[in-house]
Amino acid sequence: MSVARCSILVLSEDSAEGAHDTLVALAKKIFRLVDSSYDWQHVRFEPPESQGVRKALRGNLWKSREPRDYRARLDLIGYIATKLLEGDRAFVLYHIDGDRPWTEREASENVAKFRSFIETDVRQFVEHRRARSGRPPAGDLALSQLLLVVPYYSIEAWLFQHTRAGVRFCEENPACRGKHVPVFQAWANDRGALDEVLKPKNQVCFEDRHNRQLAEGLDVDAVYYAGKSLHHTVEALLQNASLLAALAATRPA
């Protein structure tokens, strides 16, 4: 087994079965766009282990201010901060959906609220932990190790770009018998169209049941060059010096 040279805690608002494996498969491909020579076998992708954290991940509890959600939210903040404080090759990859079409992204509250969540709650927790241990403030360095992944409208806007597999799954579904094949063909002909679809998983017969297979076979280059939400995510990662250094450390000697 390869020795991990960096570690990434993978968190997602998606609580569906297989969501973690789907996001890991997608992350491996996205990081290839960031560093074409990195070796994912030297990266440890970690699932959330805490029951409280898994609860907070569901239903966007990270942005809740309801008293009943306080404990779960605090568990999540502490969990993220603890990971960020492991060192300069420890990261948190967090997936939230834009919940808007790409052209209406400025109206999405999720990203703004997440930035506030990071800049206030997580930052305070990190600095409190460092102060208790006698270490100097981390500033933006630790927070740069929190990597945000935001598809618009949802993660299916990226996964359904594997249109050949989508056509196959549609044709193999006895309840559909290829009814949605023209939908996938239209998406194949216009790679930017999926970012503008409201609730894309509700537009096809199999919804999110094949997300992992779609992620594993996805041609991320095609999605990237569509110039929309995945392109935006990758461009942000390319500006992250901490991530670039960590990925470079995984390259073959």
C-alpha atoms as a PDB file:
ATOM      1  CA  MET A   1       0.000   0.000   0.000  1.00  0.00           C
ATOM      2  CA  SER A   2       1.291   3.467  -0.918  1.00  0.00           C
ATOM      3  CA  VAL A   3       2.250   5.823   1.877  1.00  0.00           C
ATOM      4  CA  ALA A   4      -0.042   8.851   2.059  1.00  0.00           C
ATOM      5  CA  ARG A   5       1.797  12.127   1.475  1.00  0.00           C
ATOM      6  CA  CYS A   6      -1.309  14.221   2.048  1.00  0.00           C
ATOM      7  CA  SER A   7      -4.757  13.566   3.442  1.00  0.00           C
ATOM      8  CA  ILE A   8      -8.150  14.955   2.524  1.00  0.00           C
ATOM      9  CA  LEU A   9     -11.283  14.743   4.648  1.00  0.00           C
ATOM     10  CA  VAL A  10     -14.137  14.525   2.136  1.00  0.00           C
ATOM     11  CA  LEU A  11     -17.432  16.077   3.242  1.00  0.00           C
ATOM     12  CA  SER A  12     -20.645  16.465   1.271  1.00  0.00           C
ATOM     13  CA  GLU A  13     -24.125  17.759   1.895  1.00  0.00           C
ATOM     14  CA  ASP A  14     -25.317  14.737  -0.097  1.00  0.00           C
ATOM     15  CA  SER A  15     -26.363  12.030   2.366  1.00  0.00           C
ATOM     16  CA  ALA A  16     -27.362   9.447  -0.263  1.00  0.00           C
ATOM     17  CA  GLU A  17     -25.797   6.005  -0.096  1.00  0.00           C
ATOM     18  CA  GLY A  18     -22.521   6.021  -1.999  1.00  0.00           C
ATOM     19  CA  ALA A  19     -22.211   9.819  -1.944  1.00  0.00           C
ATOM     20  CA  HIS A  20     -18.754   9.710  -0.346  1.00  0.00           C
ATOM     21  CA  ASP A  21     -17.368   7.260  -2.909  1.00  0.00           C
ATOM     22  CA  THR A  22     -18.896   9.343  -5.701  1.00  0.00           C
ATOM     23  CA  LEU A  23     -17.234  12.513  -4.470  1.00  0.00           C
ATOM     24  CA  VAL A  24     -13.879  10.773  -3.985  1.00  0.00           C
ATOM     25  CA  ALA A  25     -13.991   9.426  -7.542  1.00  0.00           C
ATOM     26  CA  LEU A  26     -14.815  12.897  -8.803  1.00  0.00           C
ATOM     27  CA  ALA A  27     -12.118  14.542  -6.670  1.00  0.00           C
ATOM     28  CA  LYS A  28      -9.428  12.243  -8.058  1.00  0.00           C
ATOM     29  CA  LYS A  29     -10.284  13.435 -11.558  1.00  0.00           C
ATOM     30  CA  ILE A  30     -10.591  17.104 -10.619  1.00  0.00           C
ATOM     31  CA  PHE A  31      -7.156  17.063  -8.976  1.00  0.00           C
ATOM     32  CA  ARG A  32      -5.761  15.712 -12.239  1.00  0.00           C
ATOM     33  CA  LEU A  33      -6.831  19.005 -13.829  1.00  0.00           C
ATOM     34  CA  VAL A  34      -4.990  20.865 -11.069  1.00  0.00           C
ATOM     35  CA  ASP A  35      -1.796  18.795 -11.311  1.00  0.00           C
ATOM     36  CA  SER A  36      -1.583  16.378 -14.223  1.00  0.00           C
ATOM     37  CA  SER A  37       1.349  14.520 -12.613  1.00  0.00           C
ATOM     38  CA  TYR A  38      -0.019  13.979  -9.119  1.00  0.00           C
ATOM     39  CA  ASP A  39      -0.464  10.406  -7.871  1.00  0.00           C
ATOM     40  CA  TRP A  40      -3.798   9.860  -6.113  1.00  0.00           C
ATOM     41  CA  GLN A  41      -2.424   6.658  -4.574  1.00  0.00           C
ATOM     42  CA  HIS A  42      -0.377   8.876  -2.249  1.00  0.00           C
ATOM     43  CA  VAL A  43      -3.486  10.763  -1.138  1.00  0.00           C
ATOM     44  CA  ARG A  44      -5.622   9.467   1.732  1.00  0.00           C
ATOM     45  CA  PHE A  45      -9.284  10.317   1.173  1.00  0.00           C
ATOM     46  CA  GLU A  46     -11.066  10.172   4.517  1.00  0.00           C
ATOM     47  CA  PRO A  47     -14.815   9.813   5.173  1.00  0.00           C
ATOM     48  CA  PRO A  48     -16.534  11.570   8.091  1.00  0.00           C
ATOM     49  CA  GLU A  49     -16.419   9.178  11.038  1.00  0.00           C
ATOM     50  CA  SER A  50     -18.375  11.138  13.645  1.00  0.00           C
ATOM     51  CA  GLN A  51     -22.118  10.493  13.882  1.00  0.00           C
ATOM     52  CA  GLY A  52     -22.658  14.103  14.945  1.00  0.00           C
ATOM     53  CA  VAL A  53     -20.771  15.345  11.902  1.00  0.00           C
ATOM     54  CA  ARG A  54     -22.757  13.106   9.567  1.00  0.00           C
ATOM     55  CA  LYS A  55     -25.935  14.563  11.065  1.00  0.00           C
ATOM     56  CA  ALA A  56     -24.710  18.122  10.500  1.00  0.00           C
ATOM     57  CA  LEU A  57     -23.846  17.343   6.891  1.00  0.00           C
ATOM     58  CA  ARG A  58     -27.449  16.468   6.117  1.00  0.00           C
ATOM     59  CA  GLY A  59     -29.847  19.201   5.173  1.00  0.00           C
ATOM     60  CA  ASN A  60     -27.304  22.012   5.242  1.00  0.00           C
ATOM     61  CA  LEU A  61     -27.247  22.174   9.028  1.00  0.00           C
ATOM     62  CA  TRP A  62     -23.890  23.959   8.738  1.00  0.00           C
ATOM     63  CA  LYS A  63     -25.836  27.160   7.999  1.00  0.00           C
ATOM     64  CA  SER A  64     -28.596  26.656  10.540  1.00  0.00           C
ATOM     65  CA  ARG A  65     -28.954  29.048  13.448  1.00  0.00           C
ATOM     66  CA  GLU A  66     -31.691  27.028  15.099  1.00  0.00           C
ATOM     67  CA  PRO A  67     -30.933  26.132  18.747  1.00  0.00           C
ATOM     68  CA  ARG A  68     -31.819  22.482  18.116  1.00  0.00           C
ATOM     69  CA  ASP A  69     -28.993  22.251  15.543  1.00  0.00           C
ATOM     70  CA  TYR A  70     -26.342  23.876  17.720  1.00  0.00           C
ATOM     71  CA  ARG A  71     -24.650  20.694  18.935  1.00  0.00           C
ATOM     72  CA  ALA A  72     -24.415  19.061  15.499  1.00  0.00           C
ATOM     73  CA  ARG A  73     -23.162  22.289  13.981  1.00  0.00           C
ATOM     74  CA  LEU A  74     -20.514  22.680  16.687  1.00  0.00           C
ATOM     75  CA  ASP A  75     -19.398  19.088  16.100  1.00  0.00           C
ATOM     76  CA  LEU A  76     -18.914  19.877  12.417  1.00  0.00           C
ATOM     77  CA  ILE A  77     -16.963  23.064  13.103  1.00  0.00           C
ATOM     78  CA  GLY A  78     -14.652  21.260  15.512  1.00  0.00           C
ATOM     79  CA  TYR A  79     -14.201  18.341  13.137  1.00  0.00           C
ATOM     80  CA  ILE A  80     -13.183  20.610  10.258  1.00  0.00           C
ATOM     81  CA  ALA A  81     -10.860  22.685  12.441  1.00  0.00           C
ATOM     82  CA  THR A  82      -9.177  19.591  13.883  1.00  0.00           C
ATOM     83  CA  LYS A  83      -8.418  18.325  10.390  1.00  0.00           C
ATOM     84  CA  LEU A  84      -7.045  21.672   9.246  1.00  0.00           C
ATOM     85  CA  LEU A  85      -4.711  21.770  12.248  1.00  0.00           C
ATOM     86  CA  GLU A  86      -3.077  18.435  11.385  1.00  0.00           C
ATOM     87  CA  GLY A  87      -0.505  20.170   9.202  1.00  0.00           C
ATOM     88  CA  ASP A  88       0.061  21.828   5.849  1.00  0.00           C
ATOM     89  CA  ARG A  89      -0.773  18.656   3.907  1.00  0.00           C
ATOM     90  CA  ALA A  90      -4.116  18.085   5.606  1.00  0.00           C
ATOM     91  CA  PHE A  91      -7.202  19.304   3.741  1.00  0.00           C
ATOM     92  CA  VAL A  92     -10.963  19.323   3.908  1.00  0.00           C
ATOM     93  CA  LEU A  93     -12.848  18.982   0.627  1.00  0.00           C
ATOM     94  CA  TYR A  94     -16.405  20.214   1.121  1.00  0.00           C
ATOM     95  CA  HIS A  95     -19.155  19.805  -1.482  1.00  0.00           C
ATOM     96  CA  ILE A  96     -22.229  22.007  -1.419  1.00  0.00           C
ATOM     97  CA  ASP A  97     -24.691  22.493  -4.266  1.00  0.00           C
ATOM     98  CA  GLY A  98     -25.304  25.924  -5.732  1.00  0.00           C
ATOM     99  CA  ASP A  99     -29.056  25.195  -5.828  1.00  0.00           C
ATOM    100  CA  ARG A 100     -29.403  27.623  -8.707  1.00  0.00           C
ATOM    101  CA  PRO A 101     -28.697  27.529 -12.431  1.00  0.00           C
ATOM    102  CA  TRP A 102     -25.186  28.757 -13.218  1.00  0.00           C
ATOM    103  CA  THR A 103     -26.457  31.967 -14.812  1.00  0.00           C
ATOM    104  CA  GLU A 104     -28.251  32.773 -11.525  1.00  0.00           C
ATOM    105  CA  ARG A 105     -25.271  31.907  -9.312  1.00  0.00           C
ATOM    106  CA  GLU A 106     -25.141  35.391  -7.811  1.00  0.00           C
ATOM    107  CA  ALA A 107     -28.542  34.705  -6.269  1.00  0.00           C
ATOM    108  CA  SER A 108     -27.314  31.544  -4.519  1.00  0.00           C
ATOM    109  CA  GLU A 109     -27.089  32.038  -0.780  1.00  0.00           C
ATOM    110  CA  ASN A 110     -25.094  28.868  -0.172  1.00  0.00           C
ATOM    111  CA  VAL A 111     -21.637  30.085  -1.174  1.00  0.00           C
ATOM    112  CA  ALA A 112     -21.943  33.402   0.656  1.00  0.00           C
ATOM    113  CA  LYS A 113     -23.169  31.692   3.804  1.00  0.00           C
ATOM    114  CA  PHE A 114     -20.451  29.057   3.563  1.00  0.00           C
ATOM    115  CA  ARG A 115     -17.786  31.742   3.278  1.00  0.00           C
ATOM    116  CA  SER A 116     -19.216  33.388   6.365  1.00  0.00           C
ATOM    117  CA  PHE A 117     -19.276  30.024   8.134  1.00  0.00           C
ATOM    118  CA  ILE A 118     -15.580  29.549   7.360  1.00  0.00           C
ATOM    119  CA  GLU A 119     -14.474  33.123   8.016  1.00  0.00           C
ATOM    120  CA  THR A 120     -16.172  33.287  11.408  1.00  0.00           C
ATOM    121  CA  ASP A 121     -16.972  29.969  13.071  1.00  0.00           C
ATOM    122  CA  VAL A 122     -14.210  27.729  11.722  1.00  0.00           C
ATOM    123  CA  ARG A 123     -11.567  30.472  11.904  1.00  0.00           C
ATOM    124  CA  GLN A 124     -12.454  31.186  15.547  1.00  0.00           C
ATOM    125  CA  PHE A 125     -12.250  27.505  16.425  1.00  0.00           C
ATOM    126  CA  VAL A 126      -8.874  27.128  14.697  1.00  0.00           C
ATOM    127  CA  GLU A 127      -7.409  30.170  16.411  1.00  0.00           C
ATOM    128  CA  HIS A 128      -8.796  29.117  19.793  1.00  0.00           C
ATOM    129  CA  ARG A 129      -7.163  25.700  19.454  1.00  0.00           C
ATOM    130  CA  ARG A 130      -3.845  27.248  18.417  1.00  0.00           C
ATOM    131  CA  ALA A 131      -3.915  29.744  21.276  1.00  0.00           C
ATOM    132  CA  ARG A 132      -4.554  26.973  23.811  1.00  0.00           C
ATOM    133  CA  SER A 133      -1.548  25.069  22.527  1.00  0.00           C
ATOM    134  CA  GLY A 134       0.673  28.154  22.571  1.00  0.00           C
ATOM    135  CA  ARG A 135       0.982  28.353  18.801  1.00  0.00           C
ATOM    136  CA  PRO A 136       0.765  31.639  16.849  1.00  0.00           C
ATOM    137  CA  PRO A 137      -2.390  32.468  14.860  1.00  0.00           C
ATOM    138  CA  ALA A 138      -2.749  30.567  11.586  1.00  0.00           C
ATOM    139  CA  GLY A 139      -4.218  33.475   9.650  1.00  0.00           C
ATOM    140  CA  ASP A 140      -5.499  32.420   6.232  1.00  0.00           C
ATOM    141  CA  LEU A 141      -3.047  29.537   5.883  1.00  0.00           C
ATOM    142  CA  ALA A 142      -5.141  26.883   7.634  1.00  0.00           C
ATOM    143  CA  LEU A 143      -8.354  28.125   6.011  1.00  0.00           C
ATOM    144  CA  SER A 144      -6.739  27.803   2.579  1.00  0.00           C
ATOM    145  CA  GLN A 145      -6.718  24.063   3.238  1.00  0.00           C
ATOM    146  CA  LEU A 146     -10.503  23.971   3.126  1.00  0.00           C
ATOM    147  CA  LEU A 147     -11.407  23.301  -0.504  1.00  0.00           C
ATOM    148  CA  LEU A 148     -14.890  24.203  -1.660  1.00  0.00           C
ATOM    149  CA  VAL A 149     -16.575  22.292  -4.499  1.00  0.00           C
ATOM    150  CA  VAL A 150     -19.788  23.879  -5.811  1.00  0.00           C
ATOM    151  CA  PRO A 151     -21.647  22.440  -8.798  1.00  0.00           C
ATOM    152  CA  TYR A 152     -24.661  24.314 -10.188  1.00  0.00           C
ATOM    153  CA  TYR A 153     -27.506  23.301  -9.815  1.00  0.00           C
ATOM    154  CA  SER A 154     -26.236  20.134  -8.174  1.00  0.00           C
ATOM    155  CA  ILE A 155     -23.509  17.530  -8.516  1.00  0.00           C
ATOM    156  CA  GLU A 156     -25.537  15.720 -11.193  1.00  0.00           C
ATOM    157  CA  ALA A 157     -24.804  18.694 -13.471  1.00  0.00           C
ATOM    158  CA  TRP A 158     -21.275  17.294 -13.634  1.00  0.00           C
ATOM    159  CA  LEU A 159     -21.981  13.579 -13.381  1.00  0.00           C
ATOM    160  CA  PHE A 160     -24.649  13.509 -16.090  1.00  0.00           C
ATOM    161  CA  GLN A 161     -22.004  14.843 -18.469  1.00  0.00           C
ATOM    162  CA  HIS A 162     -21.056  11.165 -18.811  1.00  0.00           C
ATOM    163  CA  THR A 163     -23.754  11.085 -21.425  1.00  0.00           C
ATOM    164  CA  ARG A 164     -22.865   7.755 -23.030  1.00  0.00           C
ATOM    165  CA  ALA A 165     -23.348   5.973 -19.716  1.00  0.00           C
ATOM    166  CA  GLY A 166     -26.491   8.000 -19.099  1.00  0.00           C
ATOM    167  CA  VAL A 167     -27.942   6.784 -22.386  1.00  0.00           C
ATOM    168  CA  ARG A 168     -27.060   3.193 -21.463  1.00  0.00           C
ATOM    169  CA  PHE A 169     -28.621   3.398 -18.004  1.00  0.00           C
ATOM    170  CA  CYS A 170     -31.731   4.934 -19.513  1.00  0.00           C
ATOM    171  CA  GLU A 171     -32.054   2.235 -22.150  1.00  0.00           C
ATOM    172  CA  GLU A 172     -31.497  -0.515 -19.567  1.00  0.00           C
ATOM    173  CA  ASN A 173     -34.177   0.822 -17.230  1.00  0.00           C
ATOM    174  CA  PRO A 174     -37.344  -1.216 -17.894  1.00  0.00           C
ATOM    175  CA  ALA A 175     -39.481   1.585 -16.498  1.00  0.00           C
ATOM    176  CA  CYS A 176     -38.034   4.045 -19.004  1.00  0.00           C
ATOM    177  CA  ARG A 177     -36.986   2.080 -22.105  1.00  0.00           C
ATOM    178  CA  GLY A 178     -34.883   4.905 -23.465  1.00  0.00           C
ATOM    179  CA  LYS A 179     -37.418   7.682 -22.941  1.00  0.00           C
ATOM    180  CA  HIS A 180     -34.731  10.131 -21.804  1.00  0.00           C
ATOM    181  CA  VAL A 181     -32.091   9.261 -24.407  1.00  0.00           C
ATOM    182  CA  PRO A 182     -32.840  12.499 -26.351  1.00  0.00           C
ATOM    183  CA  VAL A 183     -32.213  14.458 -23.139  1.00  0.00           C
ATOM    184  CA  PHE A 184     -28.724  13.010 -22.792  1.00  0.00           C
ATOM    185  CA  GLN A 185     -28.035  13.514 -26.480  1.00  0.00           C
ATOM    186  CA  ALA A 186     -28.945  17.187 -26.165  1.00  0.00           C
ATOM    187  CA  TRP A 187     -26.602  17.538 -23.183  1.00  0.00           C
ATOM    188  CA  ALA A 188     -23.824  15.844 -25.159  1.00  0.00           C
ATOM    189  CA  ASN A 189     -24.266  18.395 -27.937  1.00  0.00           C
ATOM    190  CA  ASP A 190     -24.182  21.348 -25.526  1.00  0.00           C
ATOM    191  CA  ARG A 191     -21.804  20.745 -22.608  1.00  0.00           C
ATOM    192  CA  GLY A 192     -22.808  23.977 -20.917  1.00  0.00           C
ATOM    193  CA  ALA A 193     -26.520  23.166 -20.819  1.00  0.00           C
ATOM    194  CA  LEU A 194     -26.514  20.975 -17.708  1.00  0.00           C
ATOM    195  CA  ASP A 195     -25.345  23.809 -15.460  1.00  0.00           C
ATOM    196  CA  GLU A 196     -28.598  25.604 -16.286  1.00  0.00           C
ATOM    197  CA  VAL A 197     -30.954  22.706 -15.451  1.00  0.00           C
ATOM    198  CA  LEU A 198     -33.036  22.873 -12.283  1.00  0.00           C
ATOM    199  CA  LYS A 199     -32.764  19.642 -10.257  1.00  0.00           C
ATOM    200  CA  PRO A 200     -31.132  17.614 -13.044  1.00  0.00           C
ATOM    201  CA  LYS A 201     -31.578  14.268 -11.269  1.00  0.00           C
ATOM    202  CA  ASN A 202     -35.339  14.769 -11.566  1.00  0.00           C
ATOM    203  CA  GLN A 203     -35.031  15.093 -15.337  1.00  0.00           C
ATOM    204  CA  VAL A 204     -34.025  11.452 -15.946  1.00  0.00           C
ATOM    205  CA  CYS A 205     -35.410   8.065 -15.010  1.00  0.00           C
ATOM    206  CA  PHE A 206     -32.611   6.773 -12.780  1.00  0.00           C
ATOM    207  CA  GLU A 207     -32.146   9.974 -10.719  1.00  0.00           C
ATOM    208  CA  ASP A 208     -28.937   9.564  -8.631  1.00  0.00           C
ATOM    209  CA  ARG A 209     -28.758   5.772  -8.493  1.00  0.00           C
ATOM    210  CA  HIS A 210     -25.699   5.515 -10.780  1.00  0.00           C
ATOM    211  CA  ASN A 211     -23.735   8.522  -9.573  1.00  0.00           C
ATOM    212  CA  ARG A 212     -20.639   6.591  -8.571  1.00  0.00           C
ATOM    213  CA  GLN A 213     -20.353   4.833 -11.947  1.00  0.00           C
ATOM    214  CA  LEU A 214     -20.878   8.140 -13.710  1.00  0.00           C
ATOM    215  CA  ALA A 215     -18.129   9.781 -11.652  1.00  0.00           C
ATOM    216  CA  GLU A 216     -15.670   6.960 -12.282  1.00  0.00           C
ATOM    217  CA  GLY A 217     -16.091   7.182 -16.060  1.00  0.00           C
ATOM    218  CA  LEU A 218     -16.513  10.931 -16.385  1.00  0.00           C
ATOM    219  CA  ASP A 219     -14.423  12.887 -18.884  1.00  0.00           C
ATOM    220  CA  VAL A 220     -13.760  15.907 -16.652  1.00  0.00           C
ATOM    221  CA  ASP A 221     -11.874  17.704 -19.408  1.00  0.00           C
ATOM    222  CA  ALA A 222     -15.081  18.043 -21.413  1.00  0.00           C
ATOM    223  CA  VAL A 223     -16.919  19.436 -18.394  1.00  0.00           C
ATOM    224  CA  TYR A 224     -14.049  21.797 -17.573  1.00  0.00           C
ATOM    225  CA  TYR A 225     -13.937  23.245 -21.075  1.00  0.00           C
ATOM    226  CA  ALA A 226     -17.674  23.926 -20.943  1.00  0.00           C
ATOM    227  CA  GLY A 227     -16.513  26.924 -18.922  1.00  0.00           C
ATOM    228  CA  LYS A 228     -19.105  26.843 -16.171  1.00  0.00           C
ATOM    229  CA  SER A 229     -19.236  25.583 -12.581  1.00  0.00           C
ATOM    230  CA  LEU A 230     -16.597  22.849 -12.771  1.00  0.00           C
ATOM    231  CA  HIS A 231     -14.278  25.232 -14.599  1.00  0.00           C
ATOM    232  CA  HIS A 232     -14.833  27.785 -11.830  1.00  0.00           C
ATOM    233  CA  THR A 233     -14.079  25.203  -9.129  1.00  0.00           C
ATOM    234  CA  VAL A 234     -10.872  24.045 -10.814  1.00  0.00           C
ATOM    235  CA  GLU A 235      -9.669  27.610 -11.414  1.00  0.00           C
ATOM    236  CA  ALA A 236     -10.080  28.348  -7.696  1.00  0.00           C
ATOM    237  CA  LEU A 237      -8.096  25.230  -6.806  1.00  0.00           C
ATOM    238  CA  LEU A 238      -5.349  26.263  -9.208  1.00  0.00           C
ATOM    239  CA  GLN A 239      -4.894  29.442  -7.151  1.00  0.00           C
ATOM    240  CA  ASN A 240      -4.440  27.477  -3.927  1.00  0.00           C
ATOM    241  CA  ALA A 241      -0.705  27.332  -3.179  1.00  0.00           C
ATOM    242  CA  SER A 242      -1.188  24.923  -0.275  1.00  0.00           C
ATOM    243  CA  LEU A 243      -2.985  22.412  -2.484  1.00  0.00           C
ATOM    244  CA  LEU A 244      -0.493  22.764  -5.333  1.00  0.00           C
ATOM    245  CA  ALA A 245       2.396  22.015  -2.982  1.00  0.00           C
ATOM    246  CA  ALA A 246       0.637  19.006  -1.464  1.00  0.00           C
ATOM    247  CA  LEU A 247      -0.258  17.512  -4.855  1.00  0.00           C
ATOM    248  CA  ALA A 248       3.286  18.096  -6.109  1.00  0.00           C
ATOM    249  CA  ALA A 249       4.559  16.085  -3.122  1.00  0.00           C
ATOM    250  CA  THR A 250       2.663  13.021  -4.392  1.00  0.00           C
ATOM    251  CA  ARG A 251       4.401  12.946  -7.772  1.00  0.00           C
ATOM    252  CA  PRO A 252       6.586   9.947  -8.560  1.00  0.00           C
ATOM    253  CA  ALA A 253      10.168  10.450  -7.414  1.00  0.00           C
END
